[in-house]
Amino acid sequence: LIRENYISSQVVSDDQIPDDLKHAVVAMEDRRFYKHHGVDIKALVRSALNNLVTSSTQGGSTIDMQVSKNLLTSEDKTMKRKIRDMYNAMQMNKIMTKDEILGAYLNNIYFGKASYGVADAAKTYFGKDVRDLNLSECAMLAGITNNPAKYMQHDEAKRRQKVVLKHMYDQGY
């Protein structure tokens, strides 16, 4: 069902995606990705407390939950959808490896400039196949996903790239 709903037409296998890109995305989006089974309770509690106490909003979704939102449910900001995403994320973890889930995420996220998925983004931004990206390029692509409209500007992307590299370093990547 997940593969049937892919947004990108340029899908690459998990083994063609550089580890540096996988690590950069995990470091920025879901640092406990390899430790949880679809739902990160600590992140959900932190997010809920932050949203109650401050005027800013903070997400608590895991990469697994984002795959569900992007490919199985919707963008609706309802509790029902969030619960369905949590359920789907836990089910994905029963039948897919973490690399398969991460691959589904990376093959379908939006990178700006009409680029969906890492294969398209690698061609659009660097004119190369995703498997040929270096660490610097991987960090830049991982940074763009947070806010493509802002970070597709080169100066902003370079600033964000440094943040990604710092997070990767801090997390042992």
Protein backbone atom coordinates (compact mmCIF):
# COMPACT_ATOMS: atom_id res chain seq x y z
CA LEU A 1 0.00 0.00 0.00
CA ILE A 2 2.84 2.38 0.79
CA ARG A 3 4.60 1.77 -2.53
CA GLU A 4 1.30 2.15 -4.42
CA ASN A 5 0.97 5.68 -3.00
CA TYR A 6 4.48 6.90 -3.80
CA ILE A 7 4.52 10.53 -4.91
CA SER A 8 7.86 10.41 -6.73
CA SER A 9 8.25 8.67 -10.05
CA GLN A 10 12.03 8.41 -9.57
CA VAL A 11 12.32 5.82 -6.82
CA VAL A 12 15.73 4.57 -5.73
CA SER A 13 16.37 1.49 -3.64
CA ASP A 14 17.44 1.83 -0.02
CA ASP A 15 20.97 0.64 -0.83
CA GLN A 16 21.46 3.42 -3.41
CA ILE A 17 20.79 6.14 -0.85
CA PRO A 18 24.07 7.18 0.79
CA ASP A 19 24.41 6.46 4.49
CA ASP A 20 25.42 10.10 4.98
CA LEU A 21 22.02 11.19 3.68
CA LYS A 22 20.18 8.70 5.87
CA HIS A 23 22.19 9.80 8.90
CA ALA A 24 21.66 13.49 8.16
CA VAL A 25 17.89 13.06 7.93
CA VAL A 26 17.72 10.93 11.08
CA ALA A 27 19.91 13.43 12.96
CA MET A 28 17.58 16.29 12.05
CA GLU A 29 14.14 14.69 11.90
CA ASP A 30 14.04 11.80 14.36
CA ARG A 31 17.23 11.13 16.29
CA ARG A 32 15.76 8.09 18.08
CA PHE A 33 14.51 6.62 14.78
CA TYR A 34 16.45 3.37 15.16
CA LYS A 35 15.40 2.97 18.81
CA HIS A 36 11.60 3.31 18.69
CA HIS A 37 8.99 1.15 16.99
CA GLY A 38 7.17 3.88 15.10
CA VAL A 39 6.14 6.20 17.93
CA ASP A 40 8.57 8.16 20.08
CA ILE A 41 6.73 8.69 23.37
CA LYS A 42 9.42 11.07 24.68
CA ALA A 43 9.06 13.30 21.59
CA LEU A 44 5.26 13.27 21.84
CA VAL A 45 5.32 14.27 25.53
CA ARG A 46 7.95 16.98 24.88
CA SER A 47 5.87 18.30 21.99
CA ALA A 48 2.63 18.32 23.97
CA LEU A 49 4.22 20.10 26.93
CA ASN A 50 5.88 22.67 24.68
CA ASN A 51 2.62 23.34 22.84
CA LEU A 52 0.76 23.80 26.13
CA VAL A 53 3.34 26.03 27.81
CA THR A 54 4.56 28.21 24.94
CA SER A 55 2.98 30.00 22.01
CA SER A 56 5.12 28.06 19.51
CA THR A 57 4.16 24.68 18.13
CA GLN A 58 6.50 21.75 18.02
CA GLY A 59 5.94 18.45 16.24
CA GLY A 60 6.36 15.07 17.82
CA SER A 61 6.01 12.96 14.70
CA THR A 62 8.55 10.30 13.89
CA ILE A 63 9.78 9.58 10.38
CA ASP A 64 7.51 6.54 10.45
CA MET A 65 4.50 8.73 11.29
CA GLN A 66 5.45 11.16 8.53
CA VAL A 67 5.49 8.29 6.00
CA SER A 68 1.96 7.47 7.15
CA LYS A 69 0.85 11.10 6.85
CA ASN A 70 2.43 11.57 3.43
CA LEU A 71 1.35 8.27 1.88
CA LEU A 72 -1.54 6.77 3.85
CA THR A 73 -3.62 9.43 5.60
CA SER A 74 -3.72 13.18 4.97
CA GLU A 75 -2.49 16.59 6.02
CA ASP A 76 -5.52 17.12 8.30
CA LYS A 77 -4.49 18.52 11.68
CA THR A 78 -6.82 16.35 13.72
CA MET A 79 -6.27 14.02 16.65
CA LYS A 80 -7.95 11.23 14.69
CA ARG A 81 -5.37 11.50 11.91
CA LYS A 82 -2.51 11.66 14.39
CA ILE A 83 -3.72 8.50 16.14
CA ARG A 84 -4.12 6.75 12.78
CA ASP A 85 -0.53 7.78 11.88
CA MET A 86 0.73 6.35 15.18
CA TYR A 87 -1.09 3.08 14.51
CA ASN A 88 0.21 2.92 10.92
CA ALA A 89 3.76 3.67 12.09
CA MET A 90 3.67 0.80 14.59
CA GLN A 91 2.27 -1.55 11.93
CA MET A 92 4.99 -0.51 9.45
CA ASN A 93 7.60 -1.46 12.04
CA LYS A 94 6.17 -4.97 12.18
CA ILE A 95 6.52 -5.61 8.45
CA MET A 96 9.26 -3.25 7.24
CA THR A 97 12.86 -2.66 8.26
CA LYS A 98 13.89 0.79 9.44
CA ASP A 99 15.87 1.28 6.22
CA GLU A 100 12.76 0.45 4.17
CA ILE A 101 10.75 3.01 6.14
CA LEU A 102 13.51 5.60 5.78
CA GLY A 103 13.73 4.79 2.07
CA ALA A 104 9.99 5.37 1.66
CA TYR A 105 10.35 8.69 3.45
CA LEU A 106 13.33 9.82 1.38
CA ASN A 107 11.76 8.74 -1.89
CA ASN A 108 8.68 10.90 -1.30
CA ILE A 109 9.50 14.04 0.66
CA TYR A 110 9.44 17.45 -0.96
CA PHE A 111 12.75 19.22 -1.51
CA GLY A 112 11.52 22.37 -3.22
CA LYS A 113 11.90 23.30 -6.89
CA ALA A 114 9.19 20.74 -7.80
CA SER A 115 11.46 17.91 -6.55
CA TYR A 116 9.87 14.98 -4.77
CA GLY A 117 12.23 12.31 -3.52
CA VAL A 118 16.00 12.13 -3.21
CA ALA A 119 16.65 11.01 -6.80
CA ASP A 120 14.89 14.06 -8.21
CA ALA A 121 16.47 16.38 -5.61
CA ALA A 122 20.00 15.12 -6.32
CA LYS A 123 19.51 15.82 -10.03
CA THR A 124 17.84 19.20 -9.44
CA TYR A 125 20.33 20.60 -6.95
CA PHE A 126 23.59 18.86 -7.89
CA GLY A 127 23.09 17.35 -11.35
CA LYS A 128 24.05 13.86 -10.19
CA ASP A 129 22.67 10.51 -9.13
CA VAL A 130 21.75 10.25 -5.47
CA ARG A 131 24.30 7.47 -4.90
CA ASP A 132 27.07 9.90 -5.93
CA LEU A 133 26.28 12.60 -3.34
CA ASN A 134 29.05 13.52 -0.92
CA LEU A 135 28.64 14.35 2.78
CA SER A 136 28.29 18.08 2.16
CA GLU A 137 25.55 17.56 -0.44
CA CYS A 138 23.74 15.05 1.76
CA ALA A 139 23.72 17.52 4.64
CA MET A 140 22.40 20.27 2.40
CA LEU A 141 19.54 18.10 1.08
CA ALA A 142 18.63 16.98 4.60
CA GLY A 143 18.47 20.61 5.69
CA ILE A 144 16.23 21.67 2.82
CA THR A 145 13.42 19.29 3.85
CA ASN A 146 12.57 21.34 6.94
CA ASN A 147 11.49 24.39 4.95
CA PRO A 148 12.07 24.05 1.19
CA ALA A 149 10.86 27.56 0.36
CA LYS A 150 13.40 29.09 2.74
CA TYR A 151 16.31 26.71 2.35
CA MET A 152 16.39 26.41 -1.43
CA GLN A 153 18.04 29.86 -1.33
CA HIS A 154 21.78 29.09 -1.40
CA ASP A 155 22.85 31.28 1.55
CA GLU A 156 20.09 29.91 3.77
CA ALA A 157 20.84 26.36 2.64
CA LYS A 158 24.52 26.77 3.54
CA ARG A 159 23.60 28.03 7.03
CA ARG A 160 21.22 25.12 7.50
CA GLN A 161 23.84 22.67 6.19
CA LYS A 162 26.14 23.68 9.06
CA VAL A 163 23.35 22.95 11.55
CA VAL A 164 22.80 19.52 9.99
CA LEU A 165 26.52 18.70 10.12
CA LYS A 166 26.68 19.77 13.79
CA HIS A 167 23.72 17.54 14.66
CA MET A 168 25.32 14.65 12.79
CA TYR A 169 28.57 15.19 14.67
CA ASP A 170 26.84 15.48 18.04
CA GLN A 171 24.97 12.21 17.41
CA GLY A 172 28.07 10.30 16.37
CA TYR A 173 27.52 10.21 12.64
